[in-house]
Amino acid sequence: MMPRDTMPEVARFWNTVAAEFDSIYSGTGKSAFARFLDRYFRRDIYQRFDWVMERAGDLRGRTVCDIGCGSGRYVTEFA
């Protein structure tokens, strides 16, 4: 029996939740209270972003491969 190709379902799921995930960073569509909750309970996301940006250094002339980083917030910052 051939394994079922689930890639279309996986892609559909992540395309559906990408904006919701990105709203953790942007706050788009969230109340002030929801933004506070994100900042408080998801502070590790912000800390990891800051950690990566601090350690990435100067990327001019370099290539960055952005795999599995949500809406591309990291690669956008690198640009």
PDB file of N, CA and C in Angstrom:
ATOM      1  N   MET A   1       0.835  -1.176   0.000  1.00  0.00           N
ATOM      2  CA  MET A   1       0.000   0.000   0.000  1.00  0.00           C
ATOM      3  C   MET A   1       0.885   1.245   0.000  1.00  0.00           C
ATOM      4  N   MET A   2       0.631   2.140  -0.913  1.00  0.00           N
ATOM      5  CA  MET A   2       1.401   3.388  -1.030  1.00  0.00           C
ATOM      6  C   MET A   2       0.966   4.363   0.065  1.00  0.00           C
ATOM      7  N   PRO A   3       1.941   5.032   0.689  1.00  0.00           N
ATOM      8  CA  PRO A   3       1.564   6.041   1.682  1.00  0.00           C
ATOM      9  C   PRO A   3       0.821   7.194   1.008  1.00  0.00           C
ATOM     10  N   ARG A   4      -0.134   7.732   1.709  1.00  0.00           N
ATOM     11  CA  ARG A   4      -0.938   8.834   1.193  1.00  0.00           C
ATOM     12  C   ARG A   4      -0.119  10.126   1.224  1.00  0.00           C
ATOM     13  N   ASP A   5      -0.196  10.908   0.171  1.00  0.00           N
ATOM     14  CA  ASP A   5       0.499  12.197   0.089  1.00  0.00           C
ATOM     15  C   ASP A   5      -0.291  13.229   0.895  1.00  0.00           C
ATOM     16  N   THR A   6       0.264  13.638   2.025  1.00  0.00           N
ATOM     17  CA  THR A   6      -0.426  14.599   2.888  1.00  0.00           C
ATOM     18  C   THR A   6       0.080  16.029   2.693  1.00  0.00           C
ATOM     19  N   MET A   7       1.035  16.232   1.789  1.00  0.00           N
ATOM     20  CA  MET A   7       1.601  17.563   1.597  1.00  0.00           C
ATOM     21  C   MET A   7       0.567  18.631   1.261  1.00  0.00           C
ATOM     22  N   PRO A   8      -0.422  18.342   0.418  1.00  0.00           N
ATOM     23  CA  PRO A   8      -1.424  19.387   0.145  1.00  0.00           C
ATOM     24  C   PRO A   8      -2.171  19.811   1.415  1.00  0.00           C
ATOM     25  N   GLU A   9      -2.481  18.860   2.278  1.00  0.00           N
ATOM     26  CA  GLU A   9      -3.164  19.189   3.531  1.00  0.00           C
ATOM     27  C   GLU A   9      -2.259  19.988   4.462  1.00  0.00           C
ATOM     28  N   VAL A  10      -1.007  19.589   4.539  1.00  0.00           N
ATOM     29  CA  VAL A  10      -0.041  20.295   5.392  1.00  0.00           C
ATOM     30  C   VAL A  10       0.131  21.724   4.895  1.00  0.00           C
ATOM     31  N   ALA A  11       0.311  21.896   3.601  1.00  0.00           N
ATOM     32  CA  ALA A  11       0.473  23.234   3.026  1.00  0.00           C
ATOM     33  C   ALA A  11      -0.763  24.083   3.279  1.00  0.00           C
ATOM     34  N   ARG A  12      -1.940  23.515   3.107  1.00  0.00           N
ATOM     35  CA  ARG A  12      -3.184  24.242   3.342  1.00  0.00           C
ATOM     36  C   ARG A  12      -3.275  24.694   4.798  1.00  0.00           C
ATOM     37  N   PHE A  13      -2.924  23.807   5.728  1.00  0.00           N
ATOM     38  CA  PHE A  13      -2.961  24.159   7.151  1.00  0.00           C
ATOM     39  C   PHE A  13      -2.058  25.339   7.445  1.00  0.00           C
ATOM     40  N   TRP A  14      -0.785  25.237   7.029  1.00  0.00           N
ATOM     41  CA  TRP A  14       0.168  26.303   7.352  1.00  0.00           C
ATOM     42  C   TRP A  14      -0.162  27.601   6.631  1.00  0.00           C
ATOM     43  N   ASN A  15      -0.689  27.526   5.430  1.00  0.00           N
ATOM     44  CA  ASN A  15      -1.112  28.741   4.736  1.00  0.00           C
ATOM     45  C   ASN A  15      -2.292  29.390   5.459  1.00  0.00           C
ATOM     46  N   THR A  16      -3.136  28.575   6.078  1.00  0.00           N
ATOM     47  CA  THR A  16      -4.289  29.092   6.813  1.00  0.00           C
ATOM     48  C   THR A  16      -3.863  29.767   8.112  1.00  0.00           C
ATOM     49  N   VAL A  17      -2.901  29.207   8.829  1.00  0.00           N
ATOM     50  CA  VAL A  17      -2.536  29.744  10.143  1.00  0.00           C
ATOM     51  C   VAL A  17      -1.361  30.725  10.106  1.00  0.00           C
ATOM     52  N   ALA A  18      -0.781  30.972   8.936  1.00  0.00           N
ATOM     53  CA  ALA A  18       0.390  31.850   8.849  1.00  0.00           C
ATOM     54  C   ALA A  18       0.089  33.246   9.383  1.00  0.00           C
ATOM     55  N   ALA A  19      -1.013  33.838   8.992  1.00  0.00           N
ATOM     56  CA  ALA A  19      -1.350  35.191   9.450  1.00  0.00           C
ATOM     57  C   ALA A  19      -1.595  35.212  10.950  1.00  0.00           C
ATOM     58  N   GLU A  20      -2.244  34.178  11.454  1.00  0.00           N
ATOM     59  CA  GLU A  20      -2.493  34.095  12.897  1.00  0.00           C
ATOM     60  C   GLU A  20      -1.164  33.991  13.657  1.00  0.00           C
ATOM     61  N   PHE A  21      -0.252  33.170  13.169  1.00  0.00           N
ATOM     62  CA  PHE A  21       1.050  33.045  13.814  1.00  0.00           C
ATOM     63  C   PHE A  21       1.803  34.365  13.761  1.00  0.00           C
ATOM     64  N   ASP A  22       1.775  35.018  12.602  1.00  0.00           N
ATOM     65  CA  ASP A  22       2.488  36.282  12.452  1.00  0.00           C
ATOM     66  C   ASP A  22       1.921  37.365  13.368  1.00  0.00           C
ATOM     67  N   SER A  23       0.650  37.264  13.700  1.00  0.00           N
ATOM     68  CA  SER A  23       0.044  38.270  14.576  1.00  0.00           C
ATOM     69  C   SER A  23       0.647  38.242  15.979  1.00  0.00           C
ATOM     70  N   ILE A  24       1.345  37.166  16.334  1.00  0.00           N
ATOM     71  CA  ILE A  24       2.070  37.139  17.608  1.00  0.00           C
ATOM     72  C   ILE A  24       3.110  38.251  17.602  1.00  0.00           C
ATOM     73  N   TYR A  25       3.772  38.449  16.468  1.00  0.00           N
ATOM     74  CA  TYR A  25       4.781  39.497  16.338  1.00  0.00           C
ATOM     75  C   TYR A  25       4.155  40.863  16.075  1.00  0.00           C
ATOM     76  N   SER A  26       3.188  40.890  15.173  1.00  0.00           N
ATOM     77  CA  SER A  26       2.667  42.173  14.693  1.00  0.00           C
ATOM     78  C   SER A  26       1.540  42.734  15.551  1.00  0.00           C
ATOM     79  N   GLY A  27       0.782  41.855  16.207  1.00  0.00           N
ATOM     80  CA  GLY A  27      -0.377  42.307  16.977  1.00  0.00           C
ATOM     81  C   GLY A  27      -1.580  42.607  16.113  1.00  0.00           C
ATOM     82  N   THR A  28      -1.468  42.406  14.808  1.00  0.00           N
ATOM     83  CA  THR A  28      -2.553  42.721  13.877  1.00  0.00           C
ATOM     84  C   THR A  28      -3.817  41.949  14.229  1.00  0.00           C
ATOM     85  N   GLY A  29      -4.916  42.694  14.346  1.00  0.00           N
ATOM     86  CA  GLY A  29      -6.212  42.074  14.622  1.00  0.00           C
ATOM     87  C   GLY A  29      -6.411  41.651  16.061  1.00  0.00           C
ATOM     88  N   LYS A  30      -5.527  42.059  16.957  1.00  0.00           N
ATOM     89  CA  LYS A  30      -5.629  41.654  18.362  1.00  0.00           C
ATOM     90  C   LYS A  30      -5.915  42.858  19.244  1.00  0.00           C
ATOM     91  N   SER A  31      -6.624  42.593  20.307  1.00  0.00           N
ATOM     92  CA  SER A  31      -6.884  43.640  21.283  1.00  0.00           C
ATOM     93  C   SER A  31      -5.610  43.926  22.070  1.00  0.00           C
ATOM     94  N   ALA A  32      -5.619  45.031  22.801  1.00  0.00           N
ATOM     95  CA  ALA A  32      -4.466  45.373  23.641  1.00  0.00           C
ATOM     96  C   ALA A  32      -4.204  44.271  24.657  1.00  0.00           C
ATOM     97  N   PHE A  33      -5.262  43.681  25.188  1.00  0.00           N
ATOM     98  CA  PHE A  33      -5.113  42.609  26.168  1.00  0.00           C
ATOM     99  C   PHE A  33      -4.476  41.375  25.532  1.00  0.00           C
ATOM    100  N   ALA A  34      -4.920  41.028  24.332  1.00  0.00           N
ATOM    101  CA  ALA A  34      -4.342  39.870  23.631  1.00  0.00           C
ATOM    102  C   ALA A  34      -2.869  40.113  23.310  1.00  0.00           C
ATOM    103  N   ARG A  35      -2.526  41.350  22.933  1.00  0.00           N
ATOM    104  CA  ARG A  35      -1.120  41.676  22.674  1.00  0.00           C
ATOM    105  C   ARG A  35      -0.301  41.562  23.953  1.00  0.00           C
ATOM    106  N   PHE A  36      -0.872  42.001  25.074  1.00  0.00           N
ATOM    107  CA  PHE A  36      -0.202  41.850  26.366  1.00  0.00           C
ATOM    108  C   PHE A  36       0.041  40.371  26.676  1.00  0.00           C
ATOM    109  N   LEU A  37      -0.985  39.551  26.469  1.00  0.00           N
ATOM    110  CA  LEU A  37      -0.839  38.114  26.742  1.00  0.00           C
ATOM    111  C   LEU A  37       0.260  37.503  25.875  1.00  0.00           C
ATOM    112  N   ASP A  38       0.313  37.889  24.606  1.00  0.00           N
ATOM    113  CA  ASP A  38       1.386  37.400  23.735  1.00  0.00           C
ATOM    114  C   ASP A  38       2.744  37.801  24.291  1.00  0.00           C
ATOM    115  N   ARG A  39       2.883  39.066  24.640  1.00  0.00           N
ATOM    116  CA  ARG A  39       4.169  39.560  25.163  1.00  0.00           C
ATOM    117  C   ARG A  39       4.559  38.850  26.450  1.00  0.00           C
ATOM    118  N   TYR A  40       3.588  38.548  27.283  1.00  0.00           N
ATOM    119  CA  TYR A  40       3.881  37.929  28.576  1.00  0.00           C
ATOM    120  C   TYR A  40       4.122  36.422  28.437  1.00  0.00           C
ATOM    121  N   PHE A  41       3.191  35.717  27.818  1.00  0.00           N
ATOM    122  CA  PHE A  41       3.261  34.257  27.770  1.00  0.00           C
ATOM    123  C   PHE A  41       4.109  33.718  26.623  1.00  0.00           C
ATOM    124  N   ARG A  42       4.369  34.541  25.642  1.00  0.00           N
ATOM    125  CA  ARG A  42       5.175  34.100  24.503  1.00  0.00           C
ATOM    126  C   ARG A  42       6.468  34.894  24.402  1.00  0.00           C
ATOM    127  N   ARG A  43       6.938  35.392  25.511  1.00  0.00           N
ATOM    128  CA  ARG A  43       8.137  36.229  25.489  1.00  0.00           C
ATOM    129  C   ARG A  43       9.343  35.493  24.926  1.00  0.00           C
ATOM    130  N   ASP A  44       9.348  34.156  25.020  1.00  0.00           N
ATOM    131  CA  ASP A  44      10.463  33.395  24.451  1.00  0.00           C
ATOM    132  C   ASP A  44      10.559  33.581  22.939  1.00  0.00           C
ATOM    133  N   ILE A  45       9.436  33.805  22.269  1.00  0.00           N
ATOM    134  CA  ILE A  45       9.454  34.034  20.823  1.00  0.00           C
ATOM    135  C   ILE A  45      10.190  35.334  20.517  1.00  0.00           C
ATOM    136  N   TYR A  46       9.884  36.377  21.289  1.00  0.00           N
ATOM    137  CA  TYR A  46      10.544  37.670  21.088  1.00  0.00           C
ATOM    138  C   TYR A  46      12.018  37.582  21.463  1.00  0.00           C
ATOM    139  N   GLN A  47      12.329  36.870  22.530  1.00  0.00           N
ATOM    140  CA  GLN A  47      13.718  36.709  22.968  1.00  0.00           C
ATOM    141  C   GLN A  47      14.532  35.952  21.924  1.00  0.00           C
ATOM    142  N   ARG A  48      13.943  34.914  21.357  1.00  0.00           N
ATOM    143  CA  ARG A  48      14.644  34.133  20.330  1.00  0.00           C
ATOM    144  C   ARG A  48      14.887  34.991  19.091  1.00  0.00           C
ATOM    145  N   PHE A  49      13.899  35.789  18.697  1.00  0.00           N
ATOM    146  CA  PHE A  49      14.065  36.676  17.550  1.00  0.00           C
ATOM    147  C   PHE A  49      15.218  37.648  17.799  1.00  0.00           C
ATOM    148  N   ASP A  50      15.222  38.289  18.955  1.00  0.00           N
ATOM    149  CA  ASP A  50      16.291  39.231  19.302  1.00  0.00           C
ATOM    150  C   ASP A  50      17.647  38.528  19.354  1.00  0.00           C
ATOM    151  N   TRP A  51      17.685  37.314  19.914  1.00  0.00           N
ATOM    152  CA  TRP A  51      18.919  36.542  20.024  1.00  0.00           C
ATOM    153  C   TRP A  51      19.492  36.261  18.636  1.00  0.00           C
ATOM    154  N   VAL A  52      18.631  35.822  17.723  1.00  0.00           N
ATOM    155  CA  VAL A  52      19.087  35.513  16.362  1.00  0.00           C
ATOM    156  C   VAL A  52      19.590  36.771  15.670  1.00  0.00           C
ATOM    157  N   MET A  53      18.846  37.863  15.784  1.00  0.00           N
ATOM    158  CA  MET A  53      19.252  39.103  15.119  1.00  0.00           C
ATOM    159  C   MET A  53      20.597  39.609  15.654  1.00  0.00           C
ATOM    160  N   GLU A  54      20.795  39.511  16.952  1.00  0.00           N
ATOM    161  CA  GLU A  54      22.050  39.964  17.552  1.00  0.00           C
ATOM    162  C   GLU A  54      23.234  39.128  17.068  1.00  0.00           C
ATOM    163  N   ARG A  55      23.040  37.841  16.917  1.00  0.00           N
ATOM    164  CA  ARG A  55      24.140  36.945  16.581  1.00  0.00           C
ATOM    165  C   ARG A  55      24.352  36.741  15.086  1.00  0.00           C
ATOM    166  N   ALA A  56      23.387  37.150  14.280  1.00  0.00           N
ATOM    167  CA  ALA A  56      23.515  36.940  12.834  1.00  0.00           C
ATOM    168  C   ALA A  56      24.627  37.785  12.239  1.00  0.00           C
ATOM    169  N   GLY A  57      24.853  38.936  12.819  1.00  0.00           N
ATOM    170  CA  GLY A  57      25.907  39.796  12.292  1.00  0.00           C
ATOM    171  C   GLY A  57      25.537  40.415  10.964  1.00  0.00           C
ATOM    172  N   ASP A  58      26.534  40.902  10.288  1.00  0.00           N
ATOM    173  CA  ASP A  58      26.345  41.566   9.005  1.00  0.00           C
ATOM    174  C   ASP A  58      26.145  40.515   7.927  1.00  0.00           C
ATOM    175  N   LEU A  59      25.001  40.532   7.286  1.00  0.00           N
ATOM    176  CA  LEU A  59      24.681  39.524   6.272  1.00  0.00           C
ATOM    177  C   LEU A  59      24.795  40.059   4.845  1.00  0.00           C
ATOM    178  N   ARG A  60      25.319  41.263   4.692  1.00  0.00           N
ATOM    179  CA  ARG A  60      25.464  41.804   3.338  1.00  0.00           C
ATOM    180  C   ARG A  60      26.311  40.862   2.492  1.00  0.00           C
ATOM    181  N   GLY A  61      25.797  40.570   1.286  1.00  0.00           N
ATOM    182  CA  GLY A  61      26.506  39.694   0.364  1.00  0.00           C
ATOM    183  C   GLY A  61      26.377  38.218   0.683  1.00  0.00           C
ATOM    184  N   ARG A  62      25.554  37.895   1.670  1.00  0.00           N
ATOM    185  CA  ARG A  62      25.384  36.490   2.061  1.00  0.00           C
ATOM    186  C   ARG A  62      24.008  36.012   1.631  1.00  0.00           C
ATOM    187  N   THR A  63      23.815  34.718   1.636  1.00  0.00           N
ATOM    188  CA  THR A  63      22.538  34.103   1.298  1.00  0.00           C
ATOM    189  C   THR A  63      21.922  33.527   2.561  1.00  0.00           C
ATOM    190  N   VAL A  64      20.635  33.760   2.732  1.00  0.00           N
ATOM    191  CA  VAL A  64      19.916  33.231   3.885  1.00  0.00           C
ATOM    192  C   VAL A  64      18.806  32.333   3.376  1.00  0.00           C
ATOM    193  N   CYS A  65      18.724  31.147   3.924  1.00  0.00           N
ATOM    194  CA  CYS A  65      17.663  30.206   3.583  1.00  0.00           C
ATOM    195  C   CYS A  65      16.659  30.205   4.730  1.00  0.00           C
ATOM    196  N   ASP A  66      15.451  30.647   4.462  1.00  0.00           N
ATOM    197  CA  ASP A  66      14.395  30.767   5.460  1.00  0.00           C
ATOM    198  C   ASP A  66      13.445  29.583   5.305  1.00  0.00           C
ATOM    199  N   ILE A  67      13.599  28.603   6.174  1.00  0.00           N
ATOM    200  CA  ILE A  67      12.761  27.404   6.104  1.00  0.00           C
ATOM    201  C   ILE A  67      11.977  27.282   7.396  1.00  0.00           C
ATOM    202  N   GLY A  68      10.674  27.230   7.277  1.00  0.00           N
ATOM    203  CA  GLY A  68       9.824  26.995   8.432  1.00  0.00           C
ATOM    204  C   GLY A  68       9.796  28.146   9.418  1.00  0.00           C
ATOM    205  N   CYS A  69       9.928  29.361   8.934  1.00  0.00           N
ATOM    206  CA  CYS A  69       9.952  30.528   9.829  1.00  0.00           C
ATOM    207  C   CYS A  69       8.672  31.338   9.719  1.00  0.00           C
ATOM    208  N   GLY A  70       7.568  30.655   9.551  1.00  0.00           N
ATOM    209  CA  GLY A  70       6.291  31.363   9.516  1.00  0.00           C
ATOM    210  C   GLY A  70       6.175  32.246   8.292  1.00  0.00           C
ATOM    211  N   SER A  71       5.891  33.508   8.528  1.00  0.00           N
ATOM    212  CA  SER A  71       5.623  34.440   7.435  1.00  0.00           C
ATOM    213  C   SER A  71       6.887  35.068   6.866  1.00  0.00           C
ATOM    214  N   GLY A  72       8.040  34.654   7.330  1.00  0.00           N
ATOM    215  CA  GLY A  72       9.295  35.206   6.823  1.00  0.00           C
ATOM    216  C   GLY A  72       9.761  36.419   7.589  1.00  0.00           C
ATOM    217  N   ARG A  73       9.320  36.560   8.806  1.00  0.00           N
ATOM    218  CA  ARG A  73       9.678  37.715   9.636  1.00  0.00           C
ATOM    219  C   ARG A  73      11.202  37.808   9.810  1.00  0.00           C
ATOM    220  N   TYR A  74      11.865  36.691   9.974  1.00  0.00           N
ATOM    221  CA  TYR A  74      13.320  36.717  10.165  1.00  0.00           C
ATOM    222  C   TYR A  74      14.011  37.194   8.890  1.00  0.00           C
ATOM    223  N   VAL A  75      13.677  36.580   7.764  1.00  0.00           N
ATOM    224  CA  VAL A  75      14.359  36.908   6.517  1.00  0.00           C
ATOM    225  C   VAL A  75      14.043  38.350   6.104  1.00  0.00           C
ATOM    226  N   THR A  76      12.860  38.824   6.416  1.00  0.00           N
ATOM    227  CA  THR A  76      12.510  40.220   6.142  1.00  0.00           C
ATOM    228  C   THR A  76      13.407  41.154   6.951  1.00  0.00           C
ATOM    229  N   GLU A  77      13.622  40.821   8.198  1.00  0.00           N
ATOM    230  CA  GLU A  77      14.513  41.623   9.044  1.00  0.00           C
ATOM    231  C   GLU A  77      15.943  41.568   8.523  1.00  0.00           C
ATOM    232  N   PHE A  78      16.372  40.410   8.076  1.00  0.00           N
ATOM    233  CA  PHE A  78      17.720  40.281   7.521  1.00  0.00           C
ATOM    234  C   PHE A  78      17.884  41.167   6.286  1.00  0.00           C
ATOM    235  N   ALA A  79      16.844  41.233   5.471  1.00  0.00           N
ATOM    236  CA  ALA A  79      16.917  42.040   4.240  1.00  0.00           C
ATOM    237  C   ALA A  79      17.087  43.501   4.586  1.00  0.00           C
TER     238      ALA A  79
END
